[in-house]
PDB file of N, CA and C in Angstrom:
ATOM      1  N   MET A   1       7.935  76.975 -16.749  1.00  0.00           N
ATOM      2  CA  MET A   1       8.258  75.616 -16.387  1.00  0.00           C
ATOM      3  C   MET A   1       8.079  74.694 -17.583  1.00  0.00           C
ATOM      4  N   THR A   2       7.074  74.946 -18.386  1.00  0.00           N
ATOM      5  CA  THR A   2       6.840  74.126 -19.564  1.00  0.00           C
ATOM      6  C   THR A   2       7.977  74.296 -20.561  1.00  0.00           C
ATOM      7  N   ILE A   3       8.485  75.483 -20.714  1.00  0.00           N
ATOM      8  CA  ILE A   3       9.575  75.745 -21.651  1.00  0.00           C
ATOM      9  C   ILE A   3      10.825  74.995 -21.195  1.00  0.00           C
ATOM     10  N   ALA A   4      11.097  75.001 -19.927  1.00  0.00           N
ATOM     11  CA  ALA A   4      12.262  74.303 -19.396  1.00  0.00           C
ATOM     12  C   ALA A   4      12.182  72.810 -19.693  1.00  0.00           C
ATOM     13  N   LEU A   5      11.011  72.219 -19.597  1.00  0.00           N
ATOM     14  CA  LEU A   5      10.844  70.807 -19.887  1.00  0.00           C
ATOM     15  C   LEU A   5      11.048  70.523 -21.369  1.00  0.00           C
ATOM     16  N   MET A   6      10.640  71.473 -22.236  1.00  0.00           N
ATOM     17  CA  MET A   6      10.794  71.284 -23.679  1.00  0.00           C
ATOM     18  C   MET A   6      12.261  71.443 -24.091  1.00  0.00           C
ATOM     19  N   ILE A   7      12.980  72.354 -23.492  1.00  0.00           N
ATOM     20  CA  ILE A   7      14.376  72.589 -23.859  1.00  0.00           C
ATOM     21  C   ILE A   7      15.255  71.450 -23.342  1.00  0.00           C
ATOM     22  N   ASN A   8      14.966  70.988 -22.185  1.00  0.00           N
ATOM     23  CA  ASN A   8      15.791  69.961 -21.572  1.00  0.00           C
ATOM     24  C   ASN A   8      15.876  68.690 -22.427  1.00  0.00           C
ATOM     25  N   PRO A   9      14.758  68.100 -22.894  1.00  0.00           N
ATOM     26  CA  PRO A   9      14.878  66.918 -23.750  1.00  0.00           C
ATOM     27  C   PRO A   9      15.556  67.245 -25.073  1.00  0.00           C
ATOM     28  N   LEU A  10      15.302  68.419 -25.628  1.00  0.00           N
ATOM     29  CA  LEU A  10      15.918  68.813 -26.890  1.00  0.00           C
ATOM     30  C   LEU A  10      17.425  68.975 -26.716  1.00  0.00           C
ATOM     31  N   SER A  11      17.845  69.649 -25.684  1.00  0.00           N
ATOM     32  CA  SER A  11      19.276  69.856 -25.464  1.00  0.00           C
ATOM     33  C   SER A  11      19.967  68.521 -25.154  1.00  0.00           C
ATOM     34  N   THR A  12      19.283  67.662 -24.444  1.00  0.00           N
ATOM     35  CA  THR A  12      19.849  66.343 -24.151  1.00  0.00           C
ATOM     36  C   THR A  12      20.040  65.558 -25.442  1.00  0.00           C
ATOM     37  N   HIS A  13      19.072  65.612 -26.332  1.00  0.00           N
ATOM     38  CA  HIS A  13      19.150  64.916 -27.615  1.00  0.00           C
ATOM     39  C   HIS A  13      20.302  65.488 -28.455  1.00  0.00           C
ATOM     40  N   LEU A  14      20.432  66.797 -28.516  1.00  0.00           N
ATOM     41  CA  LEU A  14      21.520  67.423 -29.269  1.00  0.00           C
ATOM     42  C   LEU A  14      22.880  67.053 -28.668  1.00  0.00           C
ATOM     43  N   LEU A  15      22.943  67.042 -27.364  1.00  0.00           N
ATOM     44  CA  LEU A  15      24.179  66.676 -26.692  1.00  0.00           C
ATOM     45  C   LEU A  15      24.573  65.239 -27.045  1.00  0.00           C
ATOM     46  N   LEU A  16      23.606  64.340 -27.082  1.00  0.00           N
ATOM     47  CA  LEU A  16      23.891  62.945 -27.446  1.00  0.00           C
ATOM     48  C   LEU A  16      24.364  62.838 -28.891  1.00  0.00           C
ATOM     49  N   ILE A  17      23.765  63.615 -29.777  1.00  0.00           N
ATOM     50  CA  ILE A  17      24.193  63.607 -31.188  1.00  0.00           C
ATOM     51  C   ILE A  17      25.630  64.103 -31.299  1.00  0.00           C
ATOM     52  N   LEU A  18      25.951  65.199 -30.616  1.00  0.00           N
ATOM     53  CA  LEU A  18      27.312  65.741 -30.645  1.00  0.00           C
ATOM     54  C   LEU A  18      28.313  64.748 -30.063  1.00  0.00           C
ATOM     55  N   MET A  19      27.952  64.112 -28.977  1.00  0.00           N
ATOM     56  CA  MET A  19      28.840  63.125 -28.369  1.00  0.00           C
ATOM     57  C   MET A  19      29.085  61.959 -29.317  1.00  0.00           C
ATOM     58  N   ASP A  20      28.050  61.542 -30.044  1.00  0.00           N
ATOM     59  CA  ASP A  20      28.186  60.452 -31.002  1.00  0.00           C
ATOM     60  C   ASP A  20      29.136  60.845 -32.127  1.00  0.00           C
ATOM     61  N   CYS A  21      29.012  62.071 -32.623  1.00  0.00           N
ATOM     62  CA  CYS A  21      29.901  62.561 -33.690  1.00  0.00           C
ATOM     63  C   CYS A  21      31.341  62.590 -33.207  1.00  0.00           C
ATOM     64  N   PHE A  22      31.566  63.137 -32.017  1.00  0.00           N
ATOM     65  CA  PHE A  22      32.916  63.198 -31.482  1.00  0.00           C
ATOM     66  C   PHE A  22      33.473  61.799 -31.238  1.00  0.00           C
ATOM     67  N   HIS A  23      32.630  60.891 -30.802  1.00  0.00           N
ATOM     68  CA  HIS A  23      33.068  59.513 -30.554  1.00  0.00           C
ATOM     69  C   HIS A  23      33.536  58.860 -31.854  1.00  0.00           C
ATOM     70  N   LYS A  24      32.782  59.069 -32.947  1.00  0.00           N
ATOM     71  CA  LYS A  24      33.170  58.487 -34.236  1.00  0.00           C
ATOM     72  C   LYS A  24      34.481  59.104 -34.724  1.00  0.00           C
ATOM     73  N   GLU A  25      34.627  60.429 -34.592  1.00  0.00           N
ATOM     74  CA  GLU A  25      35.874  61.082 -34.983  1.00  0.00           C
ATOM     75  C   GLU A  25      37.036  60.586 -34.128  1.00  0.00           C
ATOM     76  N   TYR A  26      36.779  60.379 -32.861  1.00  0.00           N
ATOM     77  CA  TYR A  26      37.794  59.886 -31.947  1.00  0.00           C
ATOM     78  C   TYR A  26      38.251  58.487 -32.368  1.00  0.00           C
ATOM     79  N   GLU A  27      37.303  57.620 -32.738  1.00  0.00           N
ATOM     80  CA  GLU A  27      37.648  56.269 -33.184  1.00  0.00           C
ATOM     81  C   GLU A  27      38.523  56.312 -34.433  1.00  0.00           C
ATOM     82  N   VAL A  28      38.172  57.176 -35.385  1.00  0.00           N
ATOM     83  CA  VAL A  28      38.958  57.309 -36.614  1.00  0.00           C
ATOM     84  C   VAL A  28      40.361  57.808 -36.285  1.00  0.00           C
ATOM     85  N   MET A  29      40.444  58.780 -35.390  1.00  0.00           N
ATOM     86  CA  MET A  29      41.734  59.327 -35.003  1.00  0.00           C
ATOM     87  C   MET A  29      42.589  58.263 -34.322  1.00  0.00           C
ATOM     88  N   ILE A  30      41.996  57.458 -33.465  1.00  0.00           N
ATOM     89  CA  ILE A  30      42.742  56.395 -32.777  1.00  0.00           C
ATOM     90  C   ILE A  30      43.251  55.368 -33.787  1.00  0.00           C
ATOM     91  N   LYS A  31      42.426  55.014 -34.767  1.00  0.00           N
ATOM     92  CA  LYS A  31      42.859  54.047 -35.790  1.00  0.00           C
ATOM     93  C   LYS A  31      44.033  54.608 -36.586  1.00  0.00           C
ATOM     94  N   ARG A  32      43.948  55.883 -36.963  1.00  0.00           N
ATOM     95  CA  ARG A  32      45.045  56.503 -37.724  1.00  0.00           C
ATOM     96  C   ARG A  32      46.324  56.557 -36.901  1.00  0.00           C
ATOM     97  N   LEU A  33      46.213  56.923 -35.640  1.00  0.00           N
ATOM     98  CA  LEU A  33      47.392  56.969 -34.777  1.00  0.00           C
ATOM     99  C   LEU A  33      48.000  55.583 -34.592  1.00  0.00           C
ATOM    100  N   SER A  34      47.167  54.569 -34.489  1.00  0.00           N
ATOM    101  CA  SER A  34      47.657  53.198 -34.338  1.00  0.00           C
ATOM    102  C   SER A  34      48.455  52.771 -35.566  1.00  0.00           C
ATOM    103  N   ILE A  35      47.952  53.109 -36.741  1.00  0.00           N
ATOM    104  CA  ILE A  35      48.653  52.762 -37.982  1.00  0.00           C
ATOM    105  C   ILE A  35      49.986  53.499 -38.059  1.00  0.00           C
ATOM    106  N   ILE A  36      49.998  54.767 -37.700  1.00  0.00           N
ATOM    107  CA  ILE A  36      51.235  55.555 -37.728  1.00  0.00           C
ATOM    108  C   ILE A  36      52.251  54.988 -36.742  1.00  0.00           C
ATOM    109  N   LEU A  37      51.805  54.652 -35.535  1.00  0.00           N
ATOM    110  CA  LEU A  37      52.713  54.103 -34.534  1.00  0.00           C
ATOM    111  C   LEU A  37      53.276  52.746 -34.952  1.00  0.00           C
ATOM    112  N   LEU A  38      52.431  51.912 -35.542  1.00  0.00           N
ATOM    113  CA  LEU A  38      52.894  50.617 -36.017  1.00  0.00           C
ATOM    114  C   LEU A  38      53.949  50.795 -37.110  1.00  0.00           C
ATOM    115  N   GLY A  39      53.692  51.696 -38.040  1.00  0.00           N
ATOM    116  CA  GLY A  39      54.663  51.977 -39.100  1.00  0.00           C
ATOM    117  C   GLY A  39      55.984  52.484 -38.540  1.00  0.00           C
ATOM    118  N   ALA A  40      55.911  53.375 -37.562  1.00  0.00           N
ATOM    119  CA  ALA A  40      57.125  53.903 -36.935  1.00  0.00           C
ATOM    120  C   ALA A  40      57.899  52.796 -36.226  1.00  0.00           C
ATOM    121  N   LEU A  41      57.186  51.923 -35.550  1.00  0.00           N
ATOM    122  CA  LEU A  41      57.827  50.809 -34.856  1.00  0.00           C
ATOM    123  C   LEU A  41      58.575  49.913 -35.844  1.00  0.00           C
ATOM    124  N   LEU A  42      57.924  49.597 -36.952  1.00  0.00           N
ATOM    125  CA  LEU A  42      58.574  48.766 -37.965  1.00  0.00           C
ATOM    126  C   LEU A  42      59.783  49.467 -38.563  1.00  0.00           C
ATOM    127  N   LEU A  43      59.642  50.748 -38.839  1.00  0.00           N
ATOM    128  CA  LEU A  43      60.736  51.512 -39.436  1.00  0.00           C
ATOM    129  C   LEU A  43      61.930  51.586 -38.501  1.00  0.00           C
ATOM    130  N   PHE A  44      61.696  51.933 -37.241  1.00  0.00           N
ATOM    131  CA  PHE A  44      62.804  52.060 -36.307  1.00  0.00           C
ATOM    132  C   PHE A  44      63.411  50.715 -35.965  1.00  0.00           C
ATOM    133  N   GLY A  45      62.617  49.661 -35.969  1.00  0.00           N
ATOM    134  CA  GLY A  45      63.155  48.320 -35.736  1.00  0.00           C
ATOM    135  C   GLY A  45      64.145  47.934 -36.806  1.00  0.00           C
ATOM    136  N   CYS A  46      63.821  48.207 -38.047  1.00  0.00           N
ATOM    137  CA  CYS A  46      64.716  47.909 -39.157  1.00  0.00           C
ATOM    138  C   CYS A  46      65.946  48.801 -39.123  1.00  0.00           C
ATOM    139  N   ALA A  47      65.754  50.053 -38.792  1.00  0.00           N
ATOM    140  CA  ALA A  47      66.867  50.992 -38.777  1.00  0.00           C
ATOM    141  C   ALA A  47      67.897  50.599 -37.735  1.00  0.00           C
ATOM    142  N   SER A  48      67.471  50.216 -36.551  1.00  0.00           N
ATOM    143  CA  SER A  48      68.419  49.851 -35.504  1.00  0.00           C
ATOM    144  C   SER A  48      69.160  48.574 -35.878  1.00  0.00           C
ATOM    145  N   GLN A  49      68.488  47.639 -36.528  1.00  0.00           N
ATOM    146  CA  GLN A  49      69.114  46.403 -36.986  1.00  0.00           C
ATOM    147  C   GLN A  49      70.223  46.722 -37.977  1.00  0.00           C
ATOM    148  N   SER A  50      69.925  47.570 -38.907  1.00  0.00           N
ATOM    149  CA  SER A  50      70.904  47.949 -39.914  1.00  0.00           C
ATOM    150  C   SER A  50      72.119  48.608 -39.258  1.00  0.00           C
ATOM    151  N   ARG A  51      71.869  49.435 -38.284  1.00  0.00           N
ATOM    152  CA  ARG A  51      72.948  50.141 -37.590  1.00  0.00           C
ATOM    153  C   ARG A  51      73.883  49.153 -36.904  1.00  0.00           C
ATOM    154  N   ILE A  52      73.333  48.120 -36.298  1.00  0.00           N
ATOM    155  CA  ILE A  52      74.167  47.129 -35.600  1.00  0.00           C
ATOM    156  C   ILE A  52      75.057  46.392 -36.597  1.00  0.00           C
ATOM    157  N   MET A  53      74.485  45.955 -37.708  1.00  0.00           N
ATOM    158  CA  MET A  53      75.268  45.211 -38.697  1.00  0.00           C
ATOM    159  C   MET A  53      76.295  46.109 -39.391  1.00  0.00           C
ATOM    160  N   ASN A  54      76.015  47.395 -39.467  1.00  0.00           N
ATOM    161  CA  ASN A  54      76.958  48.321 -40.110  1.00  0.00           C
ATOM    162  C   ASN A  54      78.201  48.565 -39.272  1.00  0.00           C
ATOM    163  N   ARG A  55      78.220  48.070 -38.054  1.00  0.00           N
ATOM    164  CA  ARG A  55      79.416  48.181 -37.214  1.00  0.00           C
ATOM    165  C   ARG A  55      80.518  47.237 -37.682  1.00  0.00           C
ATOM    166  N   LEU A  56      80.136  46.220 -38.444  1.00  0.00           N
ATOM    167  CA  LEU A  56      81.100  45.203 -38.868  1.00  0.00           C
ATOM    168  C   LEU A  56      81.885  45.651 -40.095  1.00  0.00           C
ATOM    169  N   GLU A  57      83.125  45.198 -40.134  1.00  0.00           N
ATOM    170  CA  GLU A  57      83.979  45.449 -41.295  1.00  0.00           C
ATOM    171  C   GLU A  57      84.794  44.194 -41.566  1.00  0.00           C
ATOM    172  N   LEU A  58      85.061  43.951 -42.820  1.00  0.00           N
ATOM    173  CA  LEU A  58      85.934  42.840 -43.182  1.00  0.00           C
ATOM    174  C   LEU A  58      87.308  43.094 -42.570  1.00  0.00           C
ATOM    175  N   GLY A  59      87.936  42.028 -42.084  1.00  0.00           N
ATOM    176  CA  GLY A  59      89.268  42.150 -41.504  1.00  0.00           C
ATOM    177  C   GLY A  59      89.273  42.364 -39.994  1.00  0.00           C
ATOM    178  N   MET A  60      88.089  42.566 -39.382  1.00  0.00           N
ATOM    179  CA  MET A  60      88.038  42.739 -37.929  1.00  0.00           C
ATOM    180  C   MET A  60      88.435  41.451 -37.237  1.00  0.00           C
ATOM    181  N   THR A  61      88.987  41.562 -36.047  1.00  0.00           N
ATOM    182  CA  THR A  61      89.319  40.379 -35.235  1.00  0.00           C
ATOM    183  C   THR A  61      88.070  39.952 -34.468  1.00  0.00           C
ATOM    184  N   ARG A  62      88.150  38.764 -33.860  1.00  0.00           N
ATOM    185  CA  ARG A  62      87.022  38.272 -33.067  1.00  0.00           C
ATOM    186  C   ARG A  62      86.736  39.224 -31.906  1.00  0.00           C
ATOM    187  N   ALA A  63      87.779  39.714 -31.275  1.00  0.00           N
ATOM    188  CA  ALA A  63      87.607  40.627 -30.141  1.00  0.00           C
ATOM    189  C   ALA A  63      86.902  41.913 -30.591  1.00  0.00           C
ATOM    190  N   GLU A  64      87.245  42.414 -31.759  1.00  0.00           N
ATOM    191  CA  GLU A  64      86.599  43.627 -32.281  1.00  0.00           C
ATOM    192  C   GLU A  64      85.122  43.378 -32.595  1.00  0.00           C
ATOM    193  N   VAL A  65      84.822  42.188 -33.126  1.00  0.00           N
ATOM    194  CA  VAL A  65      83.431  41.830 -33.418  1.00  0.00           C
ATOM    195  C   VAL A  65      82.620  41.773 -32.133  1.00  0.00           C
ATOM    196  N   VAL A  66      83.162  41.107 -31.113  1.00  0.00           N
ATOM    197  CA  VAL A  66      82.456  40.988 -29.839  1.00  0.00           C
ATOM    198  C   VAL A  66      82.272  42.363 -29.202  1.00  0.00           C
ATOM    199  N   GLU A  67      83.251  43.222 -29.339  1.00  0.00           N
ATOM    200  CA  GLU A  67      83.117  44.580 -28.805  1.00  0.00           C
ATOM    201  C   GLU A  67      82.015  45.348 -29.539  1.00  0.00           C
ATOM    202  N   ALA A  68      81.907  45.167 -30.842  1.00  0.00           N
ATOM    203  CA  ALA A  68      80.916  45.887 -31.648  1.00  0.00           C
ATOM    204  C   ALA A  68      79.517  45.290 -31.534  1.00  0.00           C
ATOM    205  N   MET A  69      79.429  43.960 -31.439  1.00  0.00           N
ATOM    206  CA  MET A  69      78.135  43.268 -31.519  1.00  0.00           C
ATOM    207  C   MET A  69      77.683  42.646 -30.204  1.00  0.00           C
ATOM    208  N   GLY A  70      78.583  42.470 -29.264  1.00  0.00           N
ATOM    209  CA  GLY A  70      78.265  41.730 -28.054  1.00  0.00           C
ATOM    210  C   GLY A  70      78.620  40.266 -28.248  1.00  0.00           C
ATOM    211  N   GLU A  71      78.439  39.493 -27.192  1.00  0.00           N
ATOM    212  CA  GLU A  71      78.755  38.060 -27.263  1.00  0.00           C
ATOM    213  C   GLU A  71      77.801  37.357 -28.232  1.00  0.00           C
ATOM    214  N   PRO A  72      78.311  36.431 -29.047  1.00  0.00           N
ATOM    215  CA  PRO A  72      77.436  35.700 -29.965  1.00  0.00           C
ATOM    216  C   PRO A  72      76.535  34.729 -29.209  1.00  0.00           C
ATOM    217  N   LYS A  73      75.413  34.380 -29.853  1.00  0.00           N
ATOM    218  CA  LYS A  73      74.503  33.385 -29.269  1.00  0.00           C
ATOM    219  C   LYS A  73      75.199  32.030 -29.201  1.00  0.00           C
ATOM    220  N   SER A  74      75.975  31.729 -30.243  1.00  0.00           N
ATOM    221  CA  SER A  74      76.771  30.504 -30.262  1.00  0.00           C
ATOM    222  C   SER A  74      77.904  30.683 -31.253  1.00  0.00           C
ATOM    223  N   SER A  75      78.846  29.763 -31.211  1.00  0.00           N
ATOM    224  CA  SER A  75      79.950  29.793 -32.169  1.00  0.00           C
ATOM    225  C   SER A  75      80.349  28.362 -32.492  1.00  0.00           C
ATOM    226  N   SER A  76      80.978  28.201 -33.633  1.00  0.00           N
ATOM    227  CA  SER A  76      81.489  26.892 -34.023  1.00  0.00           C
ATOM    228  C   SER A  76      82.720  27.116 -34.887  1.00  0.00           C
ATOM    229  N   ALA A  77      83.544  26.082 -35.018  1.00  0.00           N
ATOM    230  CA  ALA A  77      84.776  26.225 -35.787  1.00  0.00           C
ATOM    231  C   ALA A  77      85.141  24.914 -36.454  1.00  0.00           C
ATOM    232  N   ILE A  78      85.802  25.043 -37.590  1.00  0.00           N
ATOM    233  CA  ILE A  78      86.373  23.899 -38.280  1.00  0.00           C
ATOM    234  C   ILE A  78      87.670  24.382 -38.934  1.00  0.00           C
ATOM    235  N   LYS A  79      88.756  23.720 -38.606  1.00  0.00           N
ATOM    236  CA  LYS A  79      90.098  24.133 -39.043  1.00  0.00           C
ATOM    237  C   LYS A  79      90.332  25.583 -38.643  1.00  0.00           C
ATOM    238  N   ASP A  80      90.653  26.454 -39.597  1.00  0.00           N
ATOM    239  CA  ASP A  80      90.938  27.859 -39.243  1.00  0.00           C
ATOM    240  C   ASP A  80      89.740  28.776 -39.514  1.00  0.00           C
ATOM    241  N   ILE A  81      88.536  28.180 -39.672  1.00  0.00           N
ATOM    242  CA  ILE A  81      87.324  28.972 -39.921  1.00  0.00           C
ATOM    243  C   ILE A  81      86.428  28.902 -38.691  1.00  0.00           C
ATOM    244  N   GLU A  82      85.991  30.066 -38.209  1.00  0.00           N
ATOM    245  CA  GLU A  82      85.095  30.138 -37.052  1.00  0.00           C
ATOM    246  C   GLU A  82      83.831  30.886 -37.463  1.00  0.00           C
ATOM    247  N   PHE A  83      82.697  30.398 -36.996  1.00  0.00           N
ATOM    248  CA  PHE A  83      81.410  31.026 -37.261  1.00  0.00           C
ATOM    249  C   PHE A  83      80.832  31.559 -35.950  1.00  0.00           C
ATOM    250  N   LEU A  84      80.434  32.815 -35.944  1.00  0.00           N
ATOM    251  CA  LEU A  84      79.750  33.416 -34.801  1.00  0.00           C
ATOM    252  C   LEU A  84      78.300  33.620 -35.199  1.00  0.00           C
ATOM    253  N   LYS A  85      77.391  33.154 -34.359  1.00  0.00           N
ATOM    254  CA  LYS A  85      75.961  33.234 -34.673  1.00  0.00           C
ATOM    255  C   LYS A  85      75.309  34.265 -33.757  1.00  0.00           C
ATOM    256  N   TYR A  86      74.583  35.195 -34.363  1.00  0.00           N
ATOM    257  CA  TYR A  86      73.835  36.207 -33.621  1.00  0.00           C
ATOM    258  C   TYR A  86      72.363  36.126 -34.003  1.00  0.00           C
ATOM    259  N   ARG A  87      71.512  36.344 -33.044  1.00  0.00           N
ATOM    260  CA  ARG A  87      70.069  36.403 -33.290  1.00  0.00           C
ATOM    261  C   ARG A  87      69.643  37.818 -32.919  1.00  0.00           C
ATOM    262  N   LEU A  88      69.291  38.597 -33.959  1.00  0.00           N
ATOM    263  CA  LEU A  88      68.994  40.013 -33.762  1.00  0.00           C
ATOM    264  C   LEU A  88      67.563  40.330 -34.133  1.00  0.00           C
ATOM    265  N   ARG A  89      66.998  41.274 -33.397  1.00  0.00           N
ATOM    266  CA  ARG A  89      65.617  41.685 -33.665  1.00  0.00           C
ATOM    267  C   ARG A  89      65.542  42.451 -34.974  1.00  0.00           C
ATOM    268  N   SER A  90      64.500  42.158 -35.727  1.00  0.00           N
ATOM    269  CA  SER A  90      64.207  42.917 -36.931  1.00  0.00           C
ATOM    270  C   SER A  90      62.844  43.562 -36.729  1.00  0.00           C
ATOM    271  N   GLY A  91      62.382  44.289 -37.711  1.00  0.00           N
ATOM    272  CA  GLY A  91      61.106  44.979 -37.583  1.00  0.00           C
ATOM    273  C   GLY A  91      59.948  44.056 -37.279  1.00  0.00           C
ATOM    274  N   GLY A  92      58.980  44.567 -36.569  1.00  0.00           N
ATOM    275  CA  GLY A  92      57.769  43.826 -36.274  1.00  0.00           C
ATOM    276  C   GLY A  92      57.911  42.794 -35.176  1.00  0.00           C
ATOM    277  N   GLY A  93      58.983  42.860 -34.415  1.00  0.00           N
ATOM    278  CA  GLY A  93      59.146  41.927 -33.305  1.00  0.00           C
ATOM    279  C   GLY A  93      59.732  40.579 -33.704  1.00  0.00           C
ATOM    280  N   PHE A  94      60.106  40.405 -34.961  1.00  0.00           N
ATOM    281  CA  PHE A  94      60.697  39.159 -35.425  1.00  0.00           C
ATOM    282  C   PHE A  94      62.202  39.183 -35.197  1.00  0.00           C
ATOM    283  N   THR A  95      62.827  38.025 -35.266  1.00  0.00           N
ATOM    284  CA  THR A  95      64.278  37.956 -35.161  1.00  0.00           C
ATOM    285  C   THR A  95      64.841  37.258 -36.392  1.00  0.00           C
ATOM    286  N   ASP A  96      66.060  37.622 -36.741  1.00  0.00           N
ATOM    287  CA  ASP A  96      66.787  37.003 -37.848  1.00  0.00           C
ATOM    288  C   ASP A  96      68.118  36.489 -37.326  1.00  0.00           C
ATOM    289  N   GLU A  97      68.601  35.413 -37.941  1.00  0.00           N
ATOM    290  CA  GLU A  97      69.905  34.882 -37.577  1.00  0.00           C
ATOM    291  C   GLU A  97      70.957  35.474 -38.501  1.00  0.00           C
ATOM    292  N   TYR A  98      72.041  35.928 -37.898  1.00  0.00           N
ATOM    293  CA  TYR A  98      73.174  36.478 -38.636  1.00  0.00           C
ATOM    294  C   TYR A  98      74.415  35.687 -38.280  1.00  0.00           C
ATOM    295  N   TYR A  99      75.250  35.480 -39.278  1.00  0.00           N
ATOM    296  CA  TYR A  99      76.497  34.768 -39.061  1.00  0.00           C
ATOM    297  C   TYR A  99      77.657  35.660 -39.451  1.00  0.00           C
ATOM    298  N   ILE A 100      78.730  35.480 -38.722  1.00  0.00           N
ATOM    299  CA  ILE A 100      79.978  36.148 -39.052  1.00  0.00           C
ATOM    300  C   ILE A 100      81.013  35.049 -39.209  1.00  0.00           C
ATOM    301  N   ARG A 101      81.691  35.048 -40.355  1.00  0.00           N
ATOM    302  CA  ARG A 101      82.703  34.021 -40.610  1.00  0.00           C
ATOM    303  C   ARG A 101      84.082  34.644 -40.472  1.00  0.00           C
ATOM    304  N   LEU A 102      84.877  34.047 -39.616  1.00  0.00           N
ATOM    305  CA  LEU A 102      86.260  34.486 -39.435  1.00  0.00           C
ATOM    306  C   LEU A 102      87.180  33.410 -39.984  1.00  0.00           C
ATOM    307  N   GLN A 103      88.127  33.807 -40.784  1.00  0.00           N
ATOM    308  CA  GLN A 103      89.118  32.868 -41.290  1.00  0.00           C
ATOM    309  C   GLN A 103      90.482  33.391 -40.872  1.00  0.00           C
ATOM    310  N   ALA A 104      91.261  32.524 -40.256  1.00  0.00           N
ATOM    311  CA  ALA A 104      92.566  32.896 -39.702  1.00  0.00           C
ATOM    312  C   ALA A 104      92.414  34.069 -38.728  1.00  0.00           C
ATOM    313  N   GLY A 105      91.300  34.074 -37.978  1.00  0.00           N
ATOM    314  CA  GLY A 105      91.095  35.077 -36.937  1.00  0.00           C
ATOM    315  C   GLY A 105      90.563  36.422 -37.401  1.00  0.00           C
ATOM    316  N   LYS A 106      90.239  36.557 -38.692  1.00  0.00           N
ATOM    317  CA  LYS A 106      89.744  37.831 -39.235  1.00  0.00           C
ATOM    318  C   LYS A 106      88.413  37.616 -39.962  1.00  0.00           C
ATOM    319  N   VAL A 107      87.514  38.597 -39.856  1.00  0.00           N
ATOM    320  CA  VAL A 107      86.224  38.522 -40.542  1.00  0.00           C
ATOM    321  C   VAL A 107      86.462  38.539 -42.044  1.00  0.00           C
ATOM    322  N   ASN A 108      85.910  37.529 -42.729  1.00  0.00           N
ATOM    323  CA  ASN A 108      85.989  37.538 -44.186  1.00  0.00           C
ATOM    324  C   ASN A 108      84.607  37.492 -44.835  1.00  0.00           C
ATOM    325  N   ALA A 109      83.540  37.352 -44.003  1.00  0.00           N
ATOM    326  CA  ALA A 109      82.172  37.391 -44.531  1.00  0.00           C
ATOM    327  C   ALA A 109      81.207  37.530 -43.359  1.00  0.00           C
ATOM    328  N   PHE A 110      80.070  38.182 -43.606  1.00  0.00           N
ATOM    329  CA  PHE A 110      79.013  38.279 -42.598  1.00  0.00           C
ATOM    330  C   PHE A 110      77.699  38.580 -43.286  1.00  0.00           C
ATOM    331  N   GLY A 111      76.603  38.165 -42.643  1.00  0.00           N
ATOM    332  CA  GLY A 111      75.281  38.421 -43.197  1.00  0.00           C
ATOM    333  C   GLY A 111      74.243  37.471 -42.610  1.00  0.00           C
ATOM    334  N   ARG A 112      73.044  37.545 -43.172  1.00  0.00           N
ATOM    335  CA  ARG A 112      71.966  36.648 -42.721  1.00  0.00           C
ATOM    336  C   ARG A 112      72.176  35.254 -43.299  1.00  0.00           C
ATOM    337  N   VAL A 113      71.456  34.314 -42.730  1.00  0.00           N
ATOM    338  CA  VAL A 113      71.526  32.939 -43.220  1.00  0.00           C
ATOM    339  C   VAL A 113      71.207  32.946 -44.716  1.00  0.00           C
ATOM    340  N   GLY A 114      72.073  32.340 -45.508  1.00  0.00           N
ATOM    341  CA  GLY A 114      71.847  32.234 -46.950  1.00  0.00           C
ATOM    342  C   GLY A 114      72.434  33.384 -47.760  1.00  0.00           C
ATOM    343  N   ASP A 115      72.850  34.471 -47.125  1.00  0.00           N
ATOM    344  CA  ASP A 115      73.454  35.593 -47.866  1.00  0.00           C
ATOM    345  C   ASP A 115      74.810  35.180 -48.437  1.00  0.00           C
ATOM    346  N   PHE A 116      75.111  35.679 -49.592  1.00  0.00           N
ATOM    347  CA  PHE A 116      76.436  35.571 -50.212  1.00  0.00           C
ATOM    348  C   PHE A 116      76.890  34.172 -50.538  1.00  0.00           C
ATOM    349  N   GLY A 117      76.006  33.172 -50.449  1.00  0.00           N
ATOM    350  CA  GLY A 117      76.368  31.794 -50.782  1.00  0.00           C
ATOM    351  C   GLY A 117      77.517  31.281 -49.919  1.00  0.00           C
ATOM    352  N   LEU A 118      77.451  31.575 -48.637  1.00  0.00           N
ATOM    353  CA  LEU A 118      78.539  31.197 -47.739  1.00  0.00           C
ATOM    354  C   LEU A 118      78.486  29.747 -47.301  1.00  0.00           C
ATOM    355  N   GLY A 119      77.399  29.080 -47.534  1.00  0.00           N
ATOM    356  CA  GLY A 119      77.311  27.683 -47.153  1.00  0.00           C
ATOM    357  C   GLY A 119      76.864  27.459 -45.717  1.00  0.00           C
ATOM    358  N   PHE A 120      76.294  28.474 -45.089  1.00  0.00           N
ATOM    359  CA  PHE A 120      75.734  28.283 -43.738  1.00  0.00           C
ATOM    360  C   PHE A 120      74.420  28.972 -43.637  1.00  0.00           C
TER     361      PHE A 120
END
């Protein structure tokens, strides 16, 4: 009976030490997985954005743009120039504004705000 009492506190102490070690390793593993998942999220967010914009080609009609990109957030026009505005998700949960410029009904420029010195 005395031996059982001596082993029990010792085994309990060892068990607590082992649990503490596993807990610390578990915390490190969770932190590493979180960093990997965050990186993957950012990477795939950017990749999907690029894929959407790569659907566009110079010379497309407005109908072709809407078919490829969906309805624009807004549009505006002056004379024979029309601007289609899209707000698309980028990596990290942020959004960027993209414009498509159509002249005489055909795409002649597209990109983010400030790209290519388009004046919008």
